[in-house]
Amino acid sequence: MKREKEILPASELNRTVSGMVPAARRSFVLLYTVVSLLCLLLSIFAATAFI
């Protein structure tokens, strides 16, 4: 029973992967946006500190 559950059929695996990919891409875009915003804030802070 357990071994059957571990080895997934190809269609099930494909469905799982295709379900995970958009979510991963969305989280990556969110992370990239947050990091770029932080860099922007840091550069603005540095510019105001030097002036």
PDB file of N, CA and C in Angstrom:
ATOM      1  N   MET A   1       0.846  -1.209   0.000  1.00  0.00           N
ATOM      2  CA  MET A   1       0.000   0.000   0.000  1.00  0.00           C
ATOM      3  C   MET A   1       0.876   1.252   0.000  1.00  0.00           C
ATOM      4  N   LYS A   2       1.867   1.253   0.906  1.00  0.00           N
ATOM      5  CA  LYS A   2       2.722   2.438   1.009  1.00  0.00           C
ATOM      6  C   LYS A   2       3.572   2.617  -0.251  1.00  0.00           C
ATOM      7  N   ARG A   3       4.103   1.491  -0.764  1.00  0.00           N
ATOM      8  CA  ARG A   3       4.948   1.565  -1.950  1.00  0.00           C
ATOM      9  C   ARG A   3       4.152   2.078  -3.147  1.00  0.00           C
ATOM     10  N   GLU A   4       2.900   1.661  -3.254  1.00  0.00           N
ATOM     11  CA  GLU A   4       2.048   2.128  -4.351  1.00  0.00           C
ATOM     12  C   GLU A   4       1.823   3.629  -4.262  1.00  0.00           C
ATOM     13  N   LYS A   5       1.703   4.121  -3.028  1.00  0.00           N
ATOM     14  CA  LYS A   5       1.457   5.549  -2.841  1.00  0.00           C
ATOM     15  C   LYS A   5       2.715   6.361  -3.148  1.00  0.00           C
ATOM     16  N   GLU A   6       3.894   5.795  -2.824  1.00  0.00           N
ATOM     17  CA  GLU A   6       5.151   6.509  -3.070  1.00  0.00           C
ATOM     18  C   GLU A   6       5.400   6.709  -4.557  1.00  0.00           C
ATOM     19  N   ILE A   7       5.210   5.638  -5.345  1.00  0.00           N
ATOM     20  CA  ILE A   7       5.436   5.722  -6.789  1.00  0.00           C
ATOM     21  C   ILE A   7       4.168   6.240  -7.448  1.00  0.00           C
ATOM     22  N   LEU A   8       4.174   7.516  -7.791  1.00  0.00           N
ATOM     23  CA  LEU A   8       2.997   8.132  -8.393  1.00  0.00           C
ATOM     24  C   LEU A   8       2.935   7.818  -9.879  1.00  0.00           C
ATOM     25  N   PRO A   9       1.725   7.709 -10.414  1.00  0.00           N
ATOM     26  CA  PRO A   9       1.590   7.591 -11.868  1.00  0.00           C
ATOM     27  C   PRO A   9       2.065   8.870 -12.546  1.00  0.00           C
ATOM     28  N   ALA A  10       2.462   8.747 -13.815  1.00  0.00           N
ATOM     29  CA  ALA A  10       3.020   9.893 -14.544  1.00  0.00           C
ATOM     30  C   ALA A  10       2.019  11.033 -14.644  1.00  0.00           C
ATOM     31  N   SER A  11       0.747  10.703 -14.863  1.00  0.00           N
ATOM     32  CA  SER A  11      -0.264  11.756 -15.015  1.00  0.00           C
ATOM     33  C   SER A  11      -0.446  12.521 -13.707  1.00  0.00           C
ATOM     34  N   GLU A  12      -0.407  11.800 -12.596  1.00  0.00           N
ATOM     35  CA  GLU A  12      -0.547  12.433 -11.280  1.00  0.00           C
ATOM     36  C   GLU A  12       0.646  13.341 -11.007  1.00  0.00           C
ATOM     37  N   LEU A  13       1.828  12.860 -11.346  1.00  0.00           N
ATOM     38  CA  LEU A  13       3.047  13.636 -11.150  1.00  0.00           C
ATOM     39  C   LEU A  13       3.023  14.894 -12.004  1.00  0.00           C
ATOM     40  N   ASN A  14       2.585  14.749 -13.258  1.00  0.00           N
ATOM     41  CA  ASN A  14       2.480  15.902 -14.158  1.00  0.00           C
ATOM     42  C   ASN A  14       1.517  16.940 -13.603  1.00  0.00           C
ATOM     43  N   ARG A  15       0.387  16.460 -13.076  1.00  0.00           N
ATOM     44  CA  ARG A  15      -0.615  17.371 -12.525  1.00  0.00           C
ATOM     45  C   ARG A  15      -0.032  18.123 -11.321  1.00  0.00           C
ATOM     46  N   THR A  16       0.704  17.410 -10.482  1.00  0.00           N
ATOM     47  CA  THR A  16       1.304  18.030  -9.299  1.00  0.00           C
ATOM     48  C   THR A  16       2.320  19.089  -9.706  1.00  0.00           C
ATOM     49  N   VAL A  17       3.184  18.751 -10.665  1.00  0.00           N
ATOM     50  CA  VAL A  17       4.224  19.681 -11.110  1.00  0.00           C
ATOM     51  C   VAL A  17       3.609  20.905 -11.767  1.00  0.00           C
ATOM     52  N   SER A  18       2.615  20.683 -12.635  1.00  0.00           N
ATOM     53  CA  SER A  18       1.985  21.814 -13.327  1.00  0.00           C
ATOM     54  C   SER A  18       1.205  22.680 -12.342  1.00  0.00           C
ATOM     55  N   GLY A  19       0.753  22.102 -11.239  1.00  0.00           N
ATOM     56  CA  GLY A  19       0.086  22.881 -10.208  1.00  0.00           C
ATOM     57  C   GLY A  19       1.073  23.693  -9.388  1.00  0.00           C
ATOM     58  N   MET A  20       2.293  23.150  -9.220  1.00  0.00           N
ATOM     59  CA  MET A  20       3.294  23.825  -8.401  1.00  0.00           C
ATOM     60  C   MET A  20       4.007  24.951  -9.140  1.00  0.00           C
ATOM     61  N   VAL A  21       4.209  24.801 -10.446  1.00  0.00           N
ATOM     62  CA  VAL A  21       5.012  25.766 -11.209  1.00  0.00           C
ATOM     63  C   VAL A  21       4.453  27.189 -11.166  1.00  0.00           C
ATOM     64  N   PRO A  22       3.153  27.422 -11.416  1.00  0.00           N
ATOM     65  CA  PRO A  22       2.654  28.806 -11.358  1.00  0.00           C
ATOM     66  C   PRO A  22       2.792  29.422  -9.967  1.00  0.00           C
ATOM     67  N   ALA A  23       2.576  28.638  -8.935  1.00  0.00           N
ATOM     68  CA  ALA A  23       2.697  29.143  -7.567  1.00  0.00           C
ATOM     69  C   ALA A  23       4.146  29.536  -7.273  1.00  0.00           C
ATOM     70  N   ALA A  24       5.084  28.720  -7.728  1.00  0.00           N
ATOM     71  CA  ALA A  24       6.502  29.013  -7.521  1.00  0.00           C
ATOM     72  C   ALA A  24       6.898  30.281  -8.262  1.00  0.00           C
ATOM     73  N   ARG A  25       6.382  30.416  -9.495  1.00  0.00           N
ATOM     74  CA  ARG A  25       6.693  31.611 -10.284  1.00  0.00           C
ATOM     75  C   ARG A  25       6.127  32.855  -9.617  1.00  0.00           C
ATOM     76  N   ARG A  26       4.907  32.736  -9.072  1.00  0.00           N
ATOM     77  CA  ARG A  26       4.266  33.873  -8.410  1.00  0.00           C
ATOM     78  C   ARG A  26       5.068  34.287  -7.174  1.00  0.00           C
ATOM     79  N   SER A  27       5.502  33.318  -6.386  1.00  0.00           N
ATOM     80  CA  SER A  27       6.264  33.633  -5.176  1.00  0.00           C
ATOM     81  C   SER A  27       7.623  34.225  -5.538  1.00  0.00           C
ATOM     82  N   PHE A  28       8.216  33.745  -6.651  1.00  0.00           N
ATOM     83  CA  PHE A  28       9.498  34.284  -7.098  1.00  0.00           C
ATOM     84  C   PHE A  28       9.353  35.740  -7.523  1.00  0.00           C
ATOM     85  N   VAL A  29       8.270  36.046  -8.237  1.00  0.00           N
ATOM     86  CA  VAL A  29       8.013  37.429  -8.670  1.00  0.00           C
ATOM     87  C   VAL A  29       7.796  38.326  -7.456  1.00  0.00           C
ATOM     88  N   LEU A  30       7.061  37.807  -6.470  1.00  0.00           N
ATOM     89  CA  LEU A  30       6.812  38.576  -5.245  1.00  0.00           C
ATOM     90  C   LEU A  30       8.125  38.862  -4.515  1.00  0.00           C
ATOM     91  N   LEU A  31       8.960  37.834  -4.404  1.00  0.00           N
ATOM     92  CA  LEU A  31      10.253  37.985  -3.736  1.00  0.00           C
ATOM     93  C   LEU A  31      11.125  38.995  -4.472  1.00  0.00           C
ATOM     94  N   TYR A  32      11.147  38.911  -5.807  1.00  0.00           N
ATOM     95  CA  TYR A  32      11.938  39.833  -6.627  1.00  0.00           C
ATOM     96  C   TYR A  32      11.462  41.270  -6.438  1.00  0.00           C
ATOM     97  N   THR A  33      10.131  41.452  -6.385  1.00  0.00           N
ATOM     98  CA  THR A  33       9.559  42.790  -6.191  1.00  0.00           C
ATOM     99  C   THR A  33       9.966  43.359  -4.833  1.00  0.00           C
ATOM    100  N   VAL A  34       9.876  42.535  -3.794  1.00  0.00           N
ATOM    101  CA  VAL A  34      10.237  42.983  -2.443  1.00  0.00           C
ATOM    102  C   VAL A  34      11.714  43.374  -2.379  1.00  0.00           C
ATOM    103  N   VAL A  35      12.575  42.545  -2.983  1.00  0.00           N
ATOM    104  CA  VAL A  35      14.015  42.819  -2.960  1.00  0.00           C
ATOM    105  C   VAL A  35      14.339  44.099  -3.717  1.00  0.00           C
ATOM    106  N   SER A  36      13.710  44.291  -4.879  1.00  0.00           N
ATOM    107  CA  SER A  36      13.981  45.504  -5.663  1.00  0.00           C
ATOM    108  C   SER A  36      13.479  46.750  -4.933  1.00  0.00           C
ATOM    109  N   LEU A  37      12.337  46.633  -4.250  1.00  0.00           N
ATOM    110  CA  LEU A  37      11.828  47.762  -3.469  1.00  0.00           C
ATOM    111  C   LEU A  37      12.776  48.100  -2.321  1.00  0.00           C
ATOM    112  N   LEU A  38      13.311  47.075  -1.671  1.00  0.00           N
ATOM    113  CA  LEU A  38      14.263  47.302  -0.585  1.00  0.00           C
ATOM    114  C   LEU A  38      15.523  47.990  -1.099  1.00  0.00           C
ATOM    115  N   CYS A  39      16.005  47.557  -2.266  1.00  0.00           N
ATOM    116  CA  CYS A  39      17.189  48.186  -2.857  1.00  0.00           C
ATOM    117  C   CYS A  39      16.909  49.643  -3.195  1.00  0.00           C
ATOM    118  N   LEU A  40      15.713  49.908  -3.703  1.00  0.00           N
ATOM    119  CA  LEU A  40      15.320  51.279  -4.041  1.00  0.00           C
ATOM    120  C   LEU A  40      15.302  52.153  -2.787  1.00  0.00           C
ATOM    121  N   LEU A  41      14.694  51.645  -1.723  1.00  0.00           N
ATOM    122  CA  LEU A  41      14.644  52.391  -0.464  1.00  0.00           C
ATOM    123  C   LEU A  41      16.045  52.637   0.085  1.00  0.00           C
ATOM    124  N   LEU A  42      16.897  51.626  -0.029  1.00  0.00           N
ATOM    125  CA  LEU A  42      18.262  51.748   0.468  1.00  0.00           C
ATOM    126  C   LEU A  42      19.033  52.812  -0.312  1.00  0.00           C
ATOM    127  N   SER A  43      18.853  52.835  -1.629  1.00  0.00           N
ATOM    128  CA  SER A  43      19.557  53.829  -2.452  1.00  0.00           C
ATOM    129  C   SER A  43      19.047  55.239  -2.160  1.00  0.00           C
ATOM    130  N   ILE A  44      17.742  55.378  -1.938  1.00  0.00           N
ATOM    131  CA  ILE A  44      17.169  56.687  -1.596  1.00  0.00           C
ATOM    132  C   ILE A  44      17.714  57.155  -0.245  1.00  0.00           C
ATOM    133  N   PHE A  45      17.787  56.231   0.707  1.00  0.00           N
ATOM    134  CA  PHE A  45      18.316  56.559   2.033  1.00  0.00           C
ATOM    135  C   PHE A  45      19.781  56.978   1.946  1.00  0.00           C
ATOM    136  N   ALA A  46      20.558  56.257   1.133  1.00  0.00           N
ATOM    137  CA  ALA A  46      21.978  56.577   0.965  1.00  0.00           C
ATOM    138  C   ALA A  46      22.138  57.953   0.312  1.00  0.00           C
ATOM    139  N   ALA A  47      21.302  58.246  -0.680  1.00  0.00           N
ATOM    140  CA  ALA A  47      21.374  59.536  -1.376  1.00  0.00           C
ATOM    141  C   ALA A  47      21.048  60.684  -0.418  1.00  0.00           C
ATOM    142  N   THR A  48      20.020  60.503   0.402  1.00  0.00           N
ATOM    143  CA  THR A  48      19.639  61.564   1.345  1.00  0.00           C
ATOM    144  C   THR A  48      20.685  61.709   2.450  1.00  0.00           C
ATOM    145  N   ALA A  49      21.340  60.610   2.813  1.00  0.00           N
ATOM    146  CA  ALA A  49      22.355  60.668   3.862  1.00  0.00           C
ATOM    147  C   ALA A  49      23.598  61.405   3.378  1.00  0.00           C
ATOM    148  N   PHE A  50      23.947  61.242   2.106  1.00  0.00           N
ATOM    149  CA  PHE A  50      25.156  61.873   1.575  1.00  0.00           C
ATOM    150  C   PHE A  50      24.955  63.343   1.267  1.00  0.00           C
ATOM    151  N   ILE A  51      23.724  63.739   0.989  1.00  0.00           N
ATOM    152  CA  ILE A  51      23.467  65.139   0.615  1.00  0.00           C
ATOM    153  C   ILE A  51      23.609  66.035   1.850  1.00  0.00           C
TER     154      ILE A  51
END
